[in-house]
């Protein structure tokens, strides 16, 4: 019974880490279309080699959108993804529960600098995947994308949320 209770508590901790409450400032600084996960935004990753990689991303801003994320999707377009924006920086933790496709998770600081990249997260794996430092956002892309494009820690993500959009 004790093991079952500890396991249940650990699952609750993982779920809470996966679905933090977004910073209220997001609602004040973004337009109404950004509040809808069905809307898409273009963001760019500026690699250190000078290449610019554009992606069309859905936004996950509310606790409900963040809890669902990319669950139950069987495919995702090559240059598509989902941006989870939290506002404030903290150690972020995600898992792959009910996620059917492998994903690269790119943890991003509040200034748009990539903190770390977790490549090829395994579908349906309940292991916590954590940022290696404080992150204000997480970008999920198709598994293998970061490696294919040479995206790595220290690269910059350009989007209005990071105050560096052009």
Foldseek 3Di string as FASTA:
>chain_A
DVVVVVVVVVLVVQLCLQQDAADPVVVVQDDPLLVDQPDWDKKWWQDPVRDIQIAIEGEQHGSVSSSCAQAPDPDDDQRYWYKYFRQWWDKGKHAQARHNFFKKKFFAALLFFTQFIDAGHDHRGGDIDIGPGIGRMIIIHGGPPCVVVVPGGGIGMADVSNVHHD
